[in-house]
Protein backbone atom coordinates (compact mmCIF):
# COMPACT_ATOMS: atom_id res chain seq x y z
CA MET A 1 42.30 18.16 7.43
CA PRO A 2 43.80 21.43 6.14
CA GLY A 3 43.99 21.58 2.38
CA LEU A 4 41.89 18.46 1.78
CA ASP A 5 39.55 18.93 -1.16
CA LEU A 6 36.10 17.84 -0.03
CA LYS A 7 35.11 17.24 -3.65
CA LEU A 8 37.11 14.02 -3.47
CA PHE A 9 34.39 12.48 -1.37
CA THR A 10 31.75 13.08 -4.05
CA SER A 11 33.82 12.65 -7.22
CA ARG A 12 32.93 8.99 -7.60
CA LYS A 13 29.15 9.16 -7.28
CA GLU A 14 28.78 7.12 -10.45
CA LEU A 15 30.14 4.11 -8.59
CA TYR A 16 27.45 4.10 -5.89
CA PRO A 17 24.69 2.43 -7.93
CA THR A 18 27.06 -0.33 -9.04
CA LEU A 19 28.33 -0.79 -5.53
CA PHE A 20 24.92 -1.15 -3.91
CA SER A 21 23.15 -3.04 -6.68
CA SER A 22 25.84 -5.63 -7.28
CA GLY A 23 27.15 -6.09 -3.77
CA SER A 24 30.34 -7.50 -5.28
CA SER A 25 33.72 -7.25 -3.64
CA SER A 26 35.23 -6.18 -6.96
CA ALA A 27 32.96 -3.11 -7.10
CA LEU A 28 33.87 -2.25 -3.53
CA THR A 29 37.57 -2.66 -4.27
CA ALA A 30 37.32 -0.49 -7.38
CA PHE A 31 35.53 2.23 -5.46
CA SER A 32 38.10 2.24 -2.69
CA ALA A 33 41.04 2.20 -5.08
CA ALA A 34 39.63 5.09 -7.10
CA ASN A 35 39.16 7.25 -4.04
CA CYS A 36 42.51 6.25 -2.64
CA ARG A 37 44.24 7.40 -5.83
CA LEU A 38 42.43 10.72 -5.62
CA TRP A 39 43.22 11.22 -1.94
CA SER A 40 46.86 10.40 -2.52
CA LYS A 41 47.22 13.47 -4.73
CA GLN A 42 46.69 15.68 -1.69
CA LEU A 43 47.82 13.43 1.15
CA PRO A 44 50.85 11.24 1.66
CA MET A 45 50.22 7.73 0.36
CA LYS A 46 50.67 6.23 3.79
CA SER A 47 47.60 8.20 4.97
CA CYS A 48 45.29 6.55 2.49
CA PRO A 49 44.70 3.27 4.36
CA PHE A 50 43.68 5.18 7.48
CA LEU A 51 41.05 7.05 5.46
CA VAL A 52 39.75 4.06 3.54
CA ILE A 53 39.51 1.56 6.40
CA PRO A 54 36.70 3.41 8.25
CA PHE A 55 34.87 3.82 4.97
CA LEU A 56 35.16 0.11 4.19
CA PHE A 57 34.03 -0.73 7.70
CA GLY A 58 30.88 1.33 7.27
CA ILE A 59 30.10 -0.26 3.90
CA ALA A 60 30.66 -3.72 5.36
CA ILE A 61 27.96 -2.97 7.93
CA LEU A 62 25.47 -1.43 5.51
CA LEU A 63 25.70 -3.84 2.59
CA PRO A 64 24.28 -6.89 4.39
CA LEU A 65 21.32 -4.78 5.57
CA VAL A 66 20.60 -3.56 2.04
CA PHE A 67 20.73 -6.99 0.45
CA SER A 68 18.87 -8.71 3.25
CA ASP A 69 15.93 -6.35 2.54
CA LEU A 70 15.88 -7.28 -1.15
CA THR A 71 16.27 -10.95 -0.27
CA SER A 72 13.31 -10.66 2.08
CA ASP A 73 11.23 -8.99 -0.65
CA ARG A 74 12.17 -11.73 -3.13
CA GLN A 75 11.17 -14.45 -0.70
CA ALA A 76 7.83 -12.79 0.10
CA LEU A 77 7.01 -12.61 -3.62
CA LEU A 78 8.00 -16.24 -4.18
CA ASP A 79 5.89 -17.33 -1.21
CA PHE A 80 2.91 -15.49 -2.73
CA ALA A 81 3.46 -17.00 -6.19
CA ASN A 82 3.81 -20.51 -4.77
CA ALA A 83 0.64 -20.19 -2.68
CA VAL A 84 -1.64 -18.53 -5.25
CA PRO A 85 -2.22 -20.32 -8.57
CA HIS A 86 -1.92 -18.12 -11.65
CA ARG A 87 -2.99 -18.83 -15.20
CA ARG A 88 -0.28 -16.73 -16.80
CA ASN A 89 3.42 -17.33 -16.34
CA LEU A 90 4.87 -14.60 -14.13
CA SER A 91 8.47 -15.46 -15.07
CA TRP A 92 9.58 -15.03 -11.47
CA ASN A 93 12.79 -17.00 -11.64
CA PRO A 94 14.79 -16.98 -8.37
CA ALA A 95 17.99 -17.02 -10.40
CA THR A 96 17.20 -13.76 -12.24
CA PRO A 97 17.26 -10.18 -10.88
CA VAL A 98 13.98 -9.22 -9.21
CA CYS A 99 14.05 -5.57 -10.22
CA THR A 100 14.83 -5.99 -13.92
CA SER A 101 13.44 -9.40 -14.91
CA TRP A 102 10.32 -10.12 -12.87
CA VAL A 103 6.92 -9.28 -14.35
CA GLY A 104 5.00 -6.53 -12.58
CA ILE A 105 7.82 -5.47 -10.26
CA THR A 106 9.24 -1.98 -9.80
CA CYS A 107 12.08 -1.24 -7.39
CA THR A 108 13.79 1.76 -5.88
CA PRO A 109 16.28 3.49 -8.23
CA ASN A 110 19.21 1.78 -6.52
CA GLY A 111 17.51 -1.61 -6.78
CA THR A 112 17.42 -2.34 -3.07
CA ARG A 113 13.63 -2.60 -2.35
CA VAL A 114 10.42 -3.52 -4.16
CA THR A 115 8.10 -0.50 -4.28
CA SER A 116 5.40 -1.51 -6.76
CA LEU A 117 3.63 -4.77 -7.61
CA ARG A 118 1.17 -4.67 -10.52
CA LEU A 119 -0.48 -7.93 -11.59
CA PRO A 120 -3.85 -6.95 -13.08
CA GLY A 121 -5.75 -9.65 -14.94
CA VAL A 122 -3.08 -12.34 -14.79
CA GLY A 123 -5.43 -15.09 -13.63
CA LEU A 124 -4.59 -15.18 -9.93
CA VAL A 125 -6.91 -17.72 -8.29
CA GLY A 126 -7.68 -18.35 -4.63
CA SER A 127 -6.96 -16.62 -1.35
CA VAL A 128 -3.99 -14.43 -0.45
CA PRO A 129 -2.13 -15.93 2.53
CA PRO A 130 -0.95 -13.67 5.35
CA ASN A 131 2.80 -13.15 5.71
CA THR A 132 3.42 -13.09 1.97
CA LEU A 133 2.75 -9.73 0.31
CA GLY A 134 2.28 -8.31 3.80
CA LYS A 135 6.05 -8.52 4.24
CA LEU A 136 6.78 -6.01 1.46
CA ASP A 137 7.16 -3.11 3.87
CA ALA A 138 8.56 -0.71 1.25
CA LEU A 139 5.64 -1.30 -1.14
CA ARG A 140 3.86 1.85 -2.30
CA ILE A 141 1.59 0.52 -5.04
CA LEU A 142 -0.26 -2.81 -5.11
CA SER A 143 -2.58 -3.70 -7.98
CA LEU A 144 -4.19 -7.15 -8.10
CA ARG A 145 -7.37 -5.98 -9.84
CA SER A 146 -9.42 -8.10 -12.22
CA ASN A 147 -8.32 -11.51 -10.98
CA LEU A 148 -10.13 -14.41 -9.30
CA LEU A 149 -8.95 -13.81 -5.76
CA ARG A 150 -11.33 -14.73 -2.96
CA GLY A 151 -11.58 -15.10 0.78
CA VAL A 152 -10.63 -12.71 3.53
CA LEU A 153 -8.27 -9.85 2.72
CA PRO A 154 -5.27 -10.06 5.09
CA SER A 155 -4.89 -6.97 7.23
CA ASP A 156 -1.10 -7.07 6.85
CA ILE A 157 -1.63 -5.91 3.26
CA THR A 158 -3.86 -2.91 3.97
CA SER A 159 -1.58 -1.84 6.83
CA LEU A 160 1.72 -1.93 4.93
CA PRO A 161 3.48 1.19 6.28
CA ALA A 162 4.50 2.74 2.95
CA LEU A 163 1.41 1.76 0.93
CA GLN A 164 -0.13 4.65 -1.01
CA ARG A 165 -2.32 2.98 -3.65
CA LEU A 166 -4.27 -0.26 -3.28
CA TYR A 167 -6.23 -1.61 -6.26
CA LEU A 168 -8.14 -4.84 -5.53
CA GLN A 169 -11.31 -4.20 -7.53
CA ARG A 170 -13.10 -6.91 -9.52
CA ASN A 171 -12.15 -9.94 -7.47
CA ASN A 172 -14.25 -11.96 -5.05
CA PHE A 173 -12.85 -10.96 -1.65
CA SER A 174 -15.34 -11.51 1.16
CA GLY A 175 -15.78 -10.95 4.87
CA ASP A 176 -15.19 -7.68 6.67
CA ILE A 177 -12.96 -4.95 5.30
CA PRO A 178 -9.83 -4.80 7.50
CA THR A 179 -9.72 -1.99 10.03
CA SER A 180 -5.96 -1.35 9.84
CA PHE A 181 -4.70 0.89 7.05
CA SER A 182 -1.48 2.56 6.04
CA PRO A 183 -1.56 6.23 7.08
CA GLN A 184 0.02 7.02 3.69
CA LEU A 185 -2.91 5.65 1.69
CA ASN A 186 -4.06 7.88 -1.20
CA VAL A 187 -6.25 5.49 -3.20
CA LEU A 188 -8.31 2.56 -1.90
CA ASP A 189 -10.33 0.61 -4.45
CA LEU A 190 -12.15 -2.48 -3.15
CA SER A 191 -15.10 -2.23 -5.53
CA PHE A 192 -16.84 -5.17 -7.24
CA ASN A 193 -16.07 -7.71 -4.54
CA SER A 194 -18.20 -9.47 -1.92
CA PHE A 195 -17.23 -7.58 1.22
CA THR A 196 -19.81 -7.58 4.02
CA GLY A 197 -20.20 -5.81 7.35
CA ASN A 198 -19.83 -2.12 8.07
CA ILE A 199 -17.56 0.47 6.49
CA PRO A 200 -14.66 0.72 8.98
CA GLN A 201 -14.68 3.78 11.21
CA THR A 202 -10.86 3.82 10.95
CA LEU A 203 -11.14 5.20 7.42
CA ARG A 204 -11.65 8.56 9.14
CA ASN A 205 -7.97 8.54 10.07
CA LEU A 206 -6.72 8.42 6.46
CA THR A 207 -6.02 12.11 6.04
CA GLN A 208 -4.12 11.56 2.76
CA LEU A 209 -6.96 9.68 1.07
CA THR A 210 -8.08 11.15 -2.26
CA GLU A 211 -10.10 8.27 -3.75
CA LEU A 212 -12.34 5.72 -2.02
CA SER A 213 -14.22 3.14 -4.10
CA LEU A 214 -16.36 0.57 -2.27
CA GLN A 215 -19.23 0.20 -4.74
CA ASN A 216 -20.83 -3.13 -5.67
CA ASN A 217 -20.22 -5.01 -2.46
CA THR A 218 -22.69 -6.08 0.25
CA LEU A 219 -21.77 -3.53 2.91
CA THR A 220 -24.37 -2.71 5.56
CA GLY A 221 -24.96 -0.17 8.30
CA PRO A 222 -24.51 3.61 8.36
CA ILE A 223 -21.80 5.55 6.56
CA PRO A 224 -19.10 6.87 8.90
CA ASP A 225 -18.52 10.60 9.02
CA LEU A 226 -15.51 10.68 6.67
CA ASP A 227 -14.46 14.28 7.04
CA LEU A 228 -11.38 13.94 4.84
CA PRO A 229 -10.30 17.23 3.25
CA LYS A 230 -8.31 15.60 0.42
CA LEU A 231 -11.04 13.17 -0.63
CA LYS A 232 -11.97 13.96 -4.25
CA ARG A 233 -13.67 10.78 -5.45
CA LEU A 234 -16.13 8.66 -3.50
CA ASN A 235 -18.27 5.75 -4.62
CA LEU A 236 -20.36 3.74 -2.13
CA SER A 237 -23.11 2.81 -4.58
CA TYR A 238 -24.90 -0.54 -4.80
CA ASN A 239 -24.45 -1.82 -1.30
CA ARG A 240 -26.97 -2.22 1.52
CA LEU A 241 -26.10 0.88 3.50
CA ASN A 242 -28.72 2.66 5.57
CA GLY A 243 -29.34 5.84 7.50
CA SER A 244 -28.53 9.45 6.77
CA ILE A 245 -25.60 10.48 4.59
CA PRO A 246 -23.14 12.45 6.77
CA SER A 247 -23.05 16.16 6.00
CA SER A 248 -19.32 15.93 5.27
CA LEU A 249 -20.09 13.71 2.26
CA GLN A 250 -23.15 15.46 0.86
CA ARG A 251 -20.91 17.40 -1.54
CA PHE A 252 -20.54 14.24 -3.65
CA PRO A 253 -23.01 13.49 -6.47
CA ASN A 254 -26.01 11.21 -6.41
CA SER A 255 -24.02 8.52 -8.26
CA SER A 256 -21.80 8.07 -5.21
CA PHE A 257 -24.73 6.66 -3.21
CA VAL A 258 -27.35 5.16 -5.57
CA GLY A 259 -28.37 1.54 -5.12
CA ASN A 260 -28.69 1.83 -1.34
CA SER A 261 -32.46 1.89 -0.88
CA LEU A 262 -32.26 2.64 2.84
CA LEU A 263 -29.97 5.67 2.51
CA CYS A 264 -31.39 9.15 2.70
CA GLY A 265 -30.29 12.77 2.87
CA GLY A 266 -28.52 14.95 0.32
CA PRO A 267 -27.88 14.35 -2.48
CA LEU A 268 -30.54 11.58 -2.25
CA LYS A 269 -34.14 11.98 -1.11
CA PRO A 270 -34.64 13.78 2.19
CA CYS A 271 -34.86 11.67 5.29
CA SER A 272 -38.45 11.43 6.46
CA LEU A 273 -39.19 12.98 9.79
CA VAL A 274 -40.39 10.28 12.09
CA LEU A 275 -42.89 11.75 14.53
CA PRO A 276 -43.15 10.25 17.99
CA PRO A 277 -46.33 8.25 18.56
CA PRO A 278 -49.11 10.17 20.32
CA PRO A 279 -49.48 9.53 24.04
CA PRO A 280 -52.13 6.98 24.94
CA THR A 281 -55.51 8.48 25.83
CA SER A 282 -57.27 7.36 28.96
CA ASN A 283 -61.00 6.74 28.76
CA HIS A 284 -62.69 7.46 32.08
CA LEU A 285 -66.02 5.71 32.37
CA GLY A 286 -68.44 6.75 35.02
CA CYS A 287 -69.79 4.20 37.48
CA GLN A 288 -73.30 2.95 36.75
């Protein structure tokens, strides 16, 4: 509209956090009234409802989506806490705000999603059920290190779409390492557990990975060719790996591979050259 000051649409930014974090009708009414008063300075008062109604309609559509996401995150956390015994009180009270009152939780700045869960050494005991933490699809950091967790690691955790850092070291997880991972993963620490089987070939697809720690498990088989340009720290020591260390990983120190007696190649001892057996010799005896 001619003469309409576009600054009016941004002059009440301070109300946005209140509006989206509280979800109250009073906050929405205050926001609308404030903007209506500003608009009325440049437009006839009768024009204000026609400007505000579309805005209110859009908010009415978006607000339920925002709060349903936080409600879903809250329920996933409660399902986890109810299924996994813990020796320390987490103080996860359903009646209190998740983002400001719950231990170990960090949310987005506007308080609409859970982005970090850190519960190191809180005495978590038992297995992690699927469809609990695996529903936190905005989670970027998960740390459950130094607990008493055991059993199979659910693949819906390692494949969380936004996950960047996963710290599960010093538990007692067992079975195969999942093969599905978040493409955003920067740090993967599964050390000091009881994982068995091979190192997943799918780790080769994690182009953002900077740290990989799988030491002190019971992993077997050859090491995949992890040609990851951003990988800065690697520890595969004290497993049961065998074969030749891929050339893409020979830049890492000896300490990354020690404790695997069947591994060879730089930086460990050279692989012995196995010569083919000599062909059998035929012994022709003359007739007597």
